[in-house]
Structures are given as structure tokens and as C-alpha cells.
Amino acid sequence: MKFYLVDHIESLIPGERIVTIKCLTAAEEYLADHFPAFPVMPGVLMLEACVQSAAWLVRIMSDWSVSMVVLRRAQNVRYGNFVAPGDTLRIEAELVKHQGEAFTFKCVGAVDKTTALQAKIELKAFNLADTDPALAGADAEIIAQMKQRFDLCRGNPSA
């Protein structure tokens, strides 16, 4: 199951940083189990929000030439406060290093200026066709879908 954890891109400086927003609502599917009497966003999904945020910057930096941007490594992950329904999680992802297909980011997630998460993450960017040329069509379709989602997150009404 895929959860989309970026509702809005607040700011983006290509090659440097991105700031995104996730507005947590009581309707989030995973909150029914985590936890019924005290619903909070799972820590792993806070980390995934960082990954999805940083992945937008990778896609822009690669001029939409890669279909896949995945988490390779997460280090120094520290959780602060809970993120509960009604909260807005603001993710700041700053590019620290870029070497080939690897991108390293320093991420901070906060609710009302109170840190909910800090992490250093490394992402890997690639195309499915890199290992199987027959998947070039799938790459093109994924990239097209990501461009549409990006337009929605940027508030482009034509998307």
C-alpha cells in the first residue's frame, strides 16, 4: 500500500532544499490501528514523508529523467513530538551531498516549530530500464504520473 505523505510543496530551491507540508487528518487510514485511543502518525511514516519530500528535489535535479527514487539508508533518526490529527507536519530537506545516483539529505520535520523528526537520509535514483530495457515504457509512465502529482502538490490547477 502506498501512502502519499506530501500534500503541498511550500518552497523548492533546485539543487539545495525543499520544504513540504503534510496535514494529518483523522481520516488517515493507518490511524485506525496506530493507536485507536491515541492516534498518532507512525514514526516510519514521518520518515517516509522525508523520503517523499527529498525525492521531489531529486526528480527536479535530474530533469525528470529517473522513474525511481528510493531510500538507500537512514541514519541518526531521532523522534521528538507526536504528530496527531489536526497537526501540520512541515518537512525541510536540505541536500548535503550528490554523487552519481546517490543523494544525501538532512531532514527535519516539525509541528509548530517543535521538532517531530530529524534524520540524515540517502536516496538512490535510477530507471527500471537500467536493469531491463523492456521496462523503458514503465519508466515513462511512472515519470508522467510523478509530473502530474508534482503539479498537484505545487497547486497547479490544470493538473
N, C-alpha and C. Protein backbone atom coordinates (compact mmCIF):
# COMPACT_ATOMS: atom_id res chain seq x y z
N MET A 1 0.85 -1.17 0.00
CA MET A 1 0.00 0.00 0.00
C MET A 1 0.90 1.24 0.00
N LYS A 2 0.53 2.22 -0.80
CA LYS A 2 1.30 3.45 -0.92
C LYS A 2 0.54 4.59 -0.26
N PHE A 3 1.18 5.28 0.65
CA PHE A 3 0.62 6.47 1.26
C PHE A 3 1.32 7.68 0.67
N TYR A 4 0.57 8.68 0.24
CA TYR A 4 1.15 9.92 -0.25
C TYR A 4 1.23 10.87 0.93
N LEU A 5 2.44 11.22 1.30
CA LEU A 5 2.67 11.95 2.54
C LEU A 5 3.17 13.38 2.31
N VAL A 6 3.00 13.87 1.09
CA VAL A 6 3.28 15.27 0.78
C VAL A 6 2.00 15.85 0.20
N ASP A 7 1.41 16.79 0.93
CA ASP A 7 0.19 17.44 0.45
C ASP A 7 0.50 18.68 -0.36
N HIS A 8 1.57 19.36 0.02
CA HIS A 8 1.87 20.63 -0.63
C HIS A 8 3.38 20.90 -0.60
N ILE A 9 3.89 21.45 -1.68
CA ILE A 9 5.29 21.89 -1.71
C ILE A 9 5.28 23.38 -1.43
N GLU A 10 5.81 23.75 -0.28
CA GLU A 10 5.82 25.14 0.15
C GLU A 10 6.89 25.95 -0.58
N SER A 11 8.09 25.38 -0.69
CA SER A 11 9.18 26.05 -1.41
C SER A 11 10.16 25.01 -1.92
N LEU A 12 10.85 25.40 -2.98
CA LEU A 12 11.81 24.49 -3.61
C LEU A 12 12.91 25.33 -4.23
N ILE A 13 14.14 25.04 -3.85
CA ILE A 13 15.31 25.66 -4.46
C ILE A 13 16.10 24.52 -5.09
N PRO A 14 16.01 24.38 -6.43
CA PRO A 14 16.67 23.25 -7.11
C PRO A 14 18.15 23.13 -6.73
N GLY A 15 18.53 21.90 -6.42
CA GLY A 15 19.91 21.62 -6.05
C GLY A 15 20.27 21.97 -4.62
N GLU A 16 19.29 22.50 -3.86
CA GLU A 16 19.60 22.92 -2.49
C GLU A 16 18.64 22.34 -1.45
N ARG A 17 17.35 22.73 -1.55
CA ARG A 17 16.42 22.33 -0.49
C ARG A 17 14.99 22.38 -0.96
N ILE A 18 14.14 21.68 -0.18
CA ILE A 18 12.70 21.67 -0.43
C ILE A 18 12.00 21.70 0.92
N VAL A 19 10.86 22.37 0.95
CA VAL A 19 10.02 22.41 2.15
C VAL A 19 8.64 21.93 1.73
N THR A 20 8.13 20.93 2.44
CA THR A 20 6.82 20.36 2.12
C THR A 20 5.93 20.34 3.36
N ILE A 21 4.64 20.12 3.10
CA ILE A 21 3.63 20.10 4.16
C ILE A 21 2.82 18.81 4.06
N LYS A 22 2.57 18.22 5.22
CA LYS A 22 1.62 17.10 5.34
C LYS A 22 0.63 17.47 6.42
N CYS A 23 -0.63 17.62 6.04
CA CYS A 23 -1.70 17.93 7.01
C CYS A 23 -2.32 16.61 7.44
N LEU A 24 -2.12 16.26 8.68
CA LEU A 24 -2.62 14.98 9.18
C LEU A 24 -4.08 15.12 9.59
N THR A 25 -4.92 14.27 9.01
CA THR A 25 -6.35 14.29 9.34
C THR A 25 -6.74 12.99 10.04
N ALA A 26 -7.86 13.02 10.71
CA ALA A 26 -8.36 11.81 11.38
C ALA A 26 -8.76 10.74 10.37
N ALA A 27 -8.89 11.09 9.10
CA ALA A 27 -9.30 10.15 8.06
C ALA A 27 -8.13 9.30 7.53
N GLU A 28 -6.91 9.58 7.99
CA GLU A 28 -5.76 8.79 7.52
C GLU A 28 -5.99 7.33 7.90
N GLU A 29 -5.91 6.48 6.90
CA GLU A 29 -6.24 5.06 7.05
C GLU A 29 -5.45 4.36 8.16
N TYR A 30 -4.17 4.66 8.28
CA TYR A 30 -3.30 3.97 9.23
C TYR A 30 -3.57 4.37 10.69
N LEU A 31 -4.28 5.47 10.92
CA LEU A 31 -4.53 5.91 12.29
C LEU A 31 -5.51 5.00 13.04
N ALA A 32 -6.28 4.24 12.30
CA ALA A 32 -7.24 3.31 12.94
C ALA A 32 -6.51 2.28 13.81
N ASP A 33 -5.30 1.93 13.43
CA ASP A 33 -4.53 0.93 14.17
C ASP A 33 -3.40 1.53 14.99
N HIS A 34 -3.12 2.80 14.80
CA HIS A 34 -1.93 3.40 15.41
C HIS A 34 -2.26 4.73 16.06
N PHE A 35 -2.74 4.79 17.13
CA PHE A 35 -3.36 3.81 18.02
C PHE A 35 -4.80 4.24 18.19
N PRO A 36 -5.76 3.33 18.30
CA PRO A 36 -7.18 3.71 18.32
C PRO A 36 -7.53 4.74 19.40
N ALA A 37 -6.99 4.60 20.59
CA ALA A 37 -7.31 5.53 21.68
C ALA A 37 -6.42 6.78 21.67
N PHE A 38 -5.30 6.72 20.95
CA PHE A 38 -4.36 7.84 20.90
C PHE A 38 -3.73 7.85 19.50
N PRO A 39 -4.50 8.29 18.49
CA PRO A 39 -4.00 8.22 17.11
C PRO A 39 -2.85 9.20 16.87
N VAL A 40 -1.73 8.64 16.39
CA VAL A 40 -0.57 9.45 16.03
C VAL A 40 0.06 8.87 14.76
N MET A 41 0.74 9.72 14.02
CA MET A 41 1.41 9.28 12.80
C MET A 41 2.59 8.39 13.18
N PRO A 42 2.66 7.18 12.61
CA PRO A 42 3.78 6.29 12.93
C PRO A 42 5.11 6.93 12.53
N GLY A 43 6.13 6.67 13.33
CA GLY A 43 7.45 7.22 13.06
C GLY A 43 7.98 6.85 11.69
N VAL A 44 7.72 5.63 11.25
CA VAL A 44 8.20 5.20 9.94
C VAL A 44 7.55 6.01 8.82
N LEU A 45 6.30 6.46 9.03
CA LEU A 45 5.65 7.28 8.02
C LEU A 45 6.14 8.73 8.06
N MET A 46 6.57 9.20 9.23
CA MET A 46 7.22 10.51 9.28
C MET A 46 8.52 10.46 8.47
N LEU A 47 9.26 9.37 8.62
CA LEU A 47 10.49 9.20 7.85
C LEU A 47 10.18 9.10 6.36
N GLU A 48 9.13 8.39 6.01
CA GLU A 48 8.71 8.27 4.60
C GLU A 48 8.31 9.64 4.04
N ALA A 49 7.72 10.51 4.85
CA ALA A 49 7.40 11.86 4.41
C ALA A 49 8.68 12.61 4.04
N CYS A 50 9.75 12.39 4.80
CA CYS A 50 11.05 12.98 4.46
C CYS A 50 11.56 12.44 3.14
N VAL A 51 11.45 11.13 2.94
CA VAL A 51 11.91 10.49 1.71
C VAL A 51 11.13 11.05 0.51
N GLN A 52 9.81 11.11 0.63
CA GLN A 52 9.00 11.61 -0.48
C GLN A 52 9.30 13.07 -0.78
N SER A 53 9.54 13.85 0.25
CA SER A 53 9.88 15.26 0.05
C SER A 53 11.20 15.41 -0.69
N ALA A 54 12.22 14.74 -0.21
CA ALA A 54 13.54 14.82 -0.84
C ALA A 54 13.51 14.26 -2.26
N ALA A 55 12.68 13.26 -2.50
CA ALA A 55 12.58 12.66 -3.83
C ALA A 55 12.11 13.67 -4.87
N TRP A 56 11.24 14.62 -4.48
CA TRP A 56 10.83 15.65 -5.43
C TRP A 56 12.03 16.47 -5.87
N LEU A 57 12.91 16.80 -4.94
CA LEU A 57 14.09 17.58 -5.29
C LEU A 57 15.00 16.78 -6.22
N VAL A 58 15.15 15.49 -5.97
CA VAL A 58 15.95 14.63 -6.85
C VAL A 58 15.37 14.61 -8.26
N ARG A 59 14.06 14.49 -8.36
CA ARG A 59 13.43 14.46 -9.69
C ARG A 59 13.67 15.76 -10.44
N ILE A 60 13.56 16.88 -9.75
CA ILE A 60 13.81 18.18 -10.38
C ILE A 60 15.28 18.27 -10.81
N MET A 61 16.19 17.87 -9.92
CA MET A 61 17.63 17.94 -10.24
C MET A 61 17.99 17.06 -11.43
N SER A 62 17.29 15.95 -11.59
CA SER A 62 17.59 15.03 -12.69
C SER A 62 16.78 15.37 -13.95
N ASP A 63 16.07 16.51 -13.91
CA ASP A 63 15.24 16.95 -15.02
C ASP A 63 14.25 15.86 -15.44
N TRP A 64 13.66 15.22 -14.44
CA TRP A 64 12.64 14.19 -14.65
C TRP A 64 13.15 13.02 -15.52
N SER A 65 14.43 12.69 -15.38
CA SER A 65 14.99 11.61 -16.20
C SER A 65 15.02 10.26 -15.49
N VAL A 66 14.61 10.21 -14.22
CA VAL A 66 14.60 8.95 -13.48
C VAL A 66 13.20 8.65 -12.97
N SER A 67 12.83 7.39 -13.02
CA SER A 67 11.49 6.99 -12.58
C SER A 67 11.46 6.60 -11.11
N MET A 68 12.55 6.09 -10.60
CA MET A 68 12.58 5.55 -9.24
C MET A 68 13.53 6.36 -8.36
N VAL A 69 13.02 6.76 -7.19
CA VAL A 69 13.85 7.39 -6.17
C VAL A 69 13.50 6.69 -4.87
N VAL A 70 14.46 5.93 -4.34
CA VAL A 70 14.17 5.08 -3.18
C VAL A 70 15.16 5.35 -2.05
N LEU A 71 14.74 5.01 -0.85
CA LEU A 71 15.58 5.15 0.32
C LEU A 71 16.67 4.09 0.30
N ARG A 72 17.89 4.53 0.38
CA ARG A 72 19.03 3.61 0.45
C ARG A 72 19.48 3.44 1.91
N ARG A 73 19.43 4.55 2.67
CA ARG A 73 19.93 4.49 4.05
C ARG A 73 19.30 5.62 4.86
N ALA A 74 19.01 5.34 6.12
CA ALA A 74 18.57 6.36 7.07
C ALA A 74 19.49 6.28 8.28
N GLN A 75 20.02 7.44 8.66
CA GLN A 75 20.95 7.48 9.80
C GLN A 75 20.53 8.57 10.77
N ASN A 76 20.96 8.39 12.02
CA ASN A 76 20.73 9.40 13.06
C ASN A 76 19.27 9.84 13.13
N VAL A 77 18.37 8.89 13.01
CA VAL A 77 16.94 9.20 13.06
C VAL A 77 16.56 9.42 14.53
N ARG A 78 16.01 10.60 14.79
CA ARG A 78 15.57 10.93 16.14
C ARG A 78 14.16 11.50 16.08
N TYR A 79 13.32 10.99 16.96
CA TYR A 79 11.94 11.44 17.03
C TYR A 79 11.77 12.35 18.24
N GLY A 80 10.99 13.41 18.06
CA GLY A 80 10.70 14.35 19.14
C GLY A 80 9.27 14.17 19.58
N ASN A 81 8.40 15.03 19.09
CA ASN A 81 6.98 15.01 19.49
C ASN A 81 6.13 14.18 18.54
N PHE A 82 4.93 13.85 19.04
CA PHE A 82 3.96 13.13 18.23
C PHE A 82 3.37 14.06 17.18
N VAL A 83 2.86 13.46 16.09
CA VAL A 83 2.09 14.18 15.09
C VAL A 83 0.70 13.55 15.12
N ALA A 84 -0.28 14.37 15.49
CA ALA A 84 -1.64 13.87 15.70
C ALA A 84 -2.59 14.51 14.70
N PRO A 85 -3.78 13.92 14.54
CA PRO A 85 -4.77 14.53 13.64
C PRO A 85 -4.99 16.01 13.98
N GLY A 86 -5.02 16.82 12.93
CA GLY A 86 -5.14 18.26 13.09
C GLY A 86 -3.81 18.98 13.03
N ASP A 87 -2.71 18.23 13.17
CA ASP A 87 -1.37 18.81 13.09
C ASP A 87 -0.92 18.94 11.64
N THR A 88 -0.03 19.87 11.41
CA THR A 88 0.61 20.04 10.11
C THR A 88 2.09 19.75 10.28
N LEU A 89 2.56 18.71 9.61
CA LEU A 89 3.97 18.35 9.65
C LEU A 89 4.67 19.08 8.51
N ARG A 90 5.66 19.88 8.87
CA ARG A 90 6.42 20.66 7.88
C ARG A 90 7.81 20.02 7.77
N ILE A 91 8.12 19.52 6.58
CA ILE A 91 9.39 18.83 6.33
C ILE A 91 10.33 19.76 5.58
N GLU A 92 11.55 19.90 6.08
CA GLU A 92 12.61 20.61 5.38
C GLU A 92 13.69 19.59 5.05
N ALA A 93 13.99 19.46 3.77
CA ALA A 93 15.03 18.53 3.32
C ALA A 93 16.10 19.34 2.59
N GLU A 94 17.30 19.29 3.11
CA GLU A 94 18.42 20.04 2.55
C GLU A 94 19.43 19.06 1.95
N LEU A 95 19.79 19.29 0.68
CA LEU A 95 20.77 18.43 0.02
C LEU A 95 22.14 18.67 0.63
N VAL A 96 22.77 17.59 1.08
CA VAL A 96 24.09 17.66 1.69
C VAL A 96 25.16 17.20 0.70
N LYS A 97 24.82 16.16 -0.09
CA LYS A 97 25.81 15.57 -1.00
C LYS A 97 25.10 14.91 -2.17
N HIS A 98 25.69 15.03 -3.34
CA HIS A 98 25.19 14.34 -4.53
C HIS A 98 26.38 13.74 -5.25
N GLN A 99 26.33 12.43 -5.41
CA GLN A 99 27.40 11.73 -6.12
C GLN A 99 26.78 10.62 -6.96
N GLY A 100 26.78 10.81 -8.28
CA GLY A 100 26.19 9.81 -9.18
C GLY A 100 24.71 9.65 -8.92
N GLU A 101 24.31 8.43 -8.63
CA GLU A 101 22.89 8.14 -8.38
C GLU A 101 22.50 8.30 -6.91
N ALA A 102 23.45 8.69 -6.06
CA ALA A 102 23.20 8.82 -4.62
C ALA A 102 23.03 10.29 -4.22
N PHE A 103 22.01 10.54 -3.39
CA PHE A 103 21.70 11.88 -2.91
C PHE A 103 21.53 11.80 -1.39
N THR A 104 22.27 12.62 -0.65
CA THR A 104 22.18 12.62 0.80
C THR A 104 21.53 13.92 1.27
N PHE A 105 20.57 13.78 2.19
CA PHE A 105 19.81 14.91 2.70
C PHE A 105 19.82 14.95 4.22
N LYS A 106 19.77 16.15 4.74
CA LYS A 106 19.50 16.38 6.16
C LYS A 106 18.04 16.81 6.22
N CYS A 107 17.22 16.09 7.00
CA CYS A 107 15.79 16.37 7.07
C CYS A 107 15.37 16.71 8.49
N VAL A 108 14.44 17.64 8.58
CA VAL A 108 13.83 17.99 9.85
C VAL A 108 12.33 18.11 9.63
N GLY A 109 11.56 17.44 10.46
CA GLY A 109 10.11 17.55 10.42
C GLY A 109 9.64 18.22 11.70
N ALA A 110 8.78 19.22 11.58
CA ALA A 110 8.33 19.95 12.76
C ALA A 110 6.83 20.22 12.70
N VAL A 111 6.25 20.34 13.88
CA VAL A 111 4.86 20.77 14.05
C VAL A 111 4.92 22.02 14.91
N ASP A 112 4.47 23.13 14.35
CA ASP A 112 4.50 24.41 15.08
C ASP A 112 5.88 24.69 15.69
N LYS A 113 6.92 24.53 14.91
CA LYS A 113 8.31 24.82 15.30
C LYS A 113 8.85 23.88 16.38
N THR A 114 8.11 22.81 16.70
CA THR A 114 8.58 21.79 17.63
C THR A 114 9.00 20.58 16.82
N THR A 115 10.24 20.15 16.96
CA THR A 115 10.77 19.06 16.16
C THR A 115 10.06 17.75 16.45
N ALA A 116 9.58 17.12 15.39
CA ALA A 116 8.95 15.80 15.48
C ALA A 116 9.91 14.72 15.00
N LEU A 117 10.84 15.10 14.10
CA LEU A 117 11.75 14.12 13.49
C LEU A 117 12.98 14.84 12.94
N GLN A 118 14.13 14.19 13.10
CA GLN A 118 15.37 14.61 12.45
C GLN A 118 16.00 13.36 11.87
N ALA A 119 16.61 13.48 10.69
CA ALA A 119 17.26 12.31 10.09
C ALA A 119 18.21 12.75 8.99
N LYS A 120 19.15 11.89 8.73
CA LYS A 120 20.01 12.01 7.56
C LYS A 120 19.64 10.83 6.68
N ILE A 121 19.23 11.12 5.45
CA ILE A 121 18.80 10.04 4.56
C ILE A 121 19.60 10.06 3.27
N GLU A 122 19.79 8.88 2.72
CA GLU A 122 20.44 8.75 1.42
C GLU A 122 19.46 8.09 0.47
N LEU A 123 19.24 8.73 -0.67
CA LEU A 123 18.34 8.21 -1.69
C LEU A 123 19.13 7.74 -2.89
N LYS A 124 18.57 6.77 -3.60
CA LYS A 124 19.15 6.27 -4.84
C LYS A 124 18.14 6.53 -5.95
N ALA A 125 18.63 7.10 -7.06
CA ALA A 125 17.77 7.41 -8.21
C ALA A 125 18.20 6.55 -9.40
N PHE A 126 17.21 5.95 -10.07
CA PHE A 126 17.53 5.08 -11.20
C PHE A 126 16.28 4.85 -12.04
N ASN A 127 16.46 4.21 -13.16
CA ASN A 127 15.35 3.79 -14.03
C ASN A 127 15.26 2.28 -14.01
N LEU A 128 14.06 1.77 -14.15
CA LEU A 128 13.85 0.33 -14.23
C LEU A 128 14.55 -0.25 -15.46
N ALA A 129 14.60 0.54 -16.53
CA ALA A 129 15.23 0.09 -17.77
C ALA A 129 16.75 -0.07 -17.64
N ASP A 130 17.32 0.45 -16.55
CA ASP A 130 18.76 0.27 -16.33
C ASP A 130 19.11 -1.21 -16.19
N THR A 131 18.19 -2.00 -15.64
CA THR A 131 18.43 -3.42 -15.48
C THR A 131 17.67 -4.28 -16.48
N ASP A 132 16.58 -3.72 -17.03
CA ASP A 132 15.80 -4.46 -18.03
C ASP A 132 15.25 -3.46 -19.05
N PRO A 133 15.89 -3.35 -20.20
CA PRO A 133 15.48 -2.38 -21.22
C PRO A 133 14.00 -2.48 -21.61
N ALA A 134 13.39 -3.63 -21.41
CA ALA A 134 11.98 -3.80 -21.74
C ALA A 134 11.07 -2.95 -20.84
N LEU A 135 11.62 -2.41 -19.76
CA LEU A 135 10.83 -1.63 -18.81
C LEU A 135 10.88 -0.12 -19.09
N ALA A 136 11.42 0.27 -20.23
CA ALA A 136 11.50 1.70 -20.57
C ALA A 136 10.12 2.34 -20.62
N GLY A 137 9.13 1.62 -21.10
CA GLY A 137 7.76 2.14 -21.13
C GLY A 137 7.21 2.38 -19.73
N ALA A 138 7.53 1.48 -18.82
CA ALA A 138 7.09 1.65 -17.43
C ALA A 138 7.75 2.89 -16.82
N ASP A 139 9.04 3.10 -17.13
CA ASP A 139 9.72 4.31 -16.66
C ASP A 139 9.00 5.56 -17.14
N ALA A 140 8.66 5.59 -18.42
CA ALA A 140 8.00 6.77 -18.99
C ALA A 140 6.65 7.01 -18.32
N GLU A 141 5.91 5.95 -18.05
CA GLU A 141 4.60 6.08 -17.41
C GLU A 141 4.73 6.59 -15.97
N ILE A 142 5.69 6.06 -15.24
CA ILE A 142 5.92 6.48 -13.86
C ILE A 142 6.31 7.96 -13.82
N ILE A 143 7.21 8.36 -14.71
CA ILE A 143 7.64 9.76 -14.76
C ILE A 143 6.46 10.68 -15.07
N ALA A 144 5.61 10.29 -16.01
CA ALA A 144 4.43 11.09 -16.35
C ALA A 144 3.50 11.23 -15.14
N GLN A 145 3.29 10.14 -14.40
CA GLN A 145 2.44 10.17 -13.21
C GLN A 145 3.05 11.07 -12.13
N MET A 146 4.36 10.99 -11.97
CA MET A 146 5.04 11.81 -10.97
C MET A 146 4.94 13.29 -11.32
N LYS A 147 5.02 13.62 -12.60
CA LYS A 147 4.87 15.03 -13.02
C LYS A 147 3.48 15.55 -12.69
N GLN A 148 2.45 14.71 -12.89
CA GLN A 148 1.08 15.10 -12.55
C GLN A 148 0.94 15.32 -11.04
N ARG A 149 1.49 14.41 -10.26
CA ARG A 149 1.41 14.53 -8.80
C ARG A 149 2.16 15.78 -8.33
N PHE A 150 3.31 16.06 -8.96
CA PHE A 150 4.09 17.24 -8.62
C PHE A 150 3.26 18.51 -8.87
N ASP A 151 2.59 18.56 -10.02
CA ASP A 151 1.73 19.70 -10.32
C ASP A 151 0.66 19.89 -9.26
N LEU A 152 0.07 18.79 -8.79
CA LEU A 152 -0.94 18.87 -7.74
C LEU A 152 -0.35 19.41 -6.44
N CYS A 153 0.84 18.93 -6.09
CA CYS A 153 1.50 19.38 -4.85
C CYS A 153 1.93 20.83 -4.93
N ARG A 154 2.20 21.32 -6.12
CA ARG A 154 2.60 22.72 -6.31
C ARG A 154 1.38 23.62 -6.42
N GLY A 155 0.19 23.02 -6.49
CA GLY A 155 -1.02 23.83 -6.57
C GLY A 155 -1.36 24.28 -7.97
N ASN A 156 -0.91 23.51 -8.96
CA ASN A 156 -1.20 23.84 -10.36
C ASN A 156 -2.62 23.37 -10.67
N PRO A 157 -3.56 24.30 -10.87
CA PRO A 157 -4.96 23.90 -11.08
C PRO A 157 -5.22 23.14 -12.38
N SER A 158 -4.29 23.16 -13.32
CA SER A 158 -4.51 22.45 -14.58
C SER A 158 -4.19 20.97 -14.46
N ALA A 159 -3.64 20.55 -13.33
CA ALA A 159 -3.26 19.14 -13.16
C ALA A 159 -4.48 18.28 -12.95
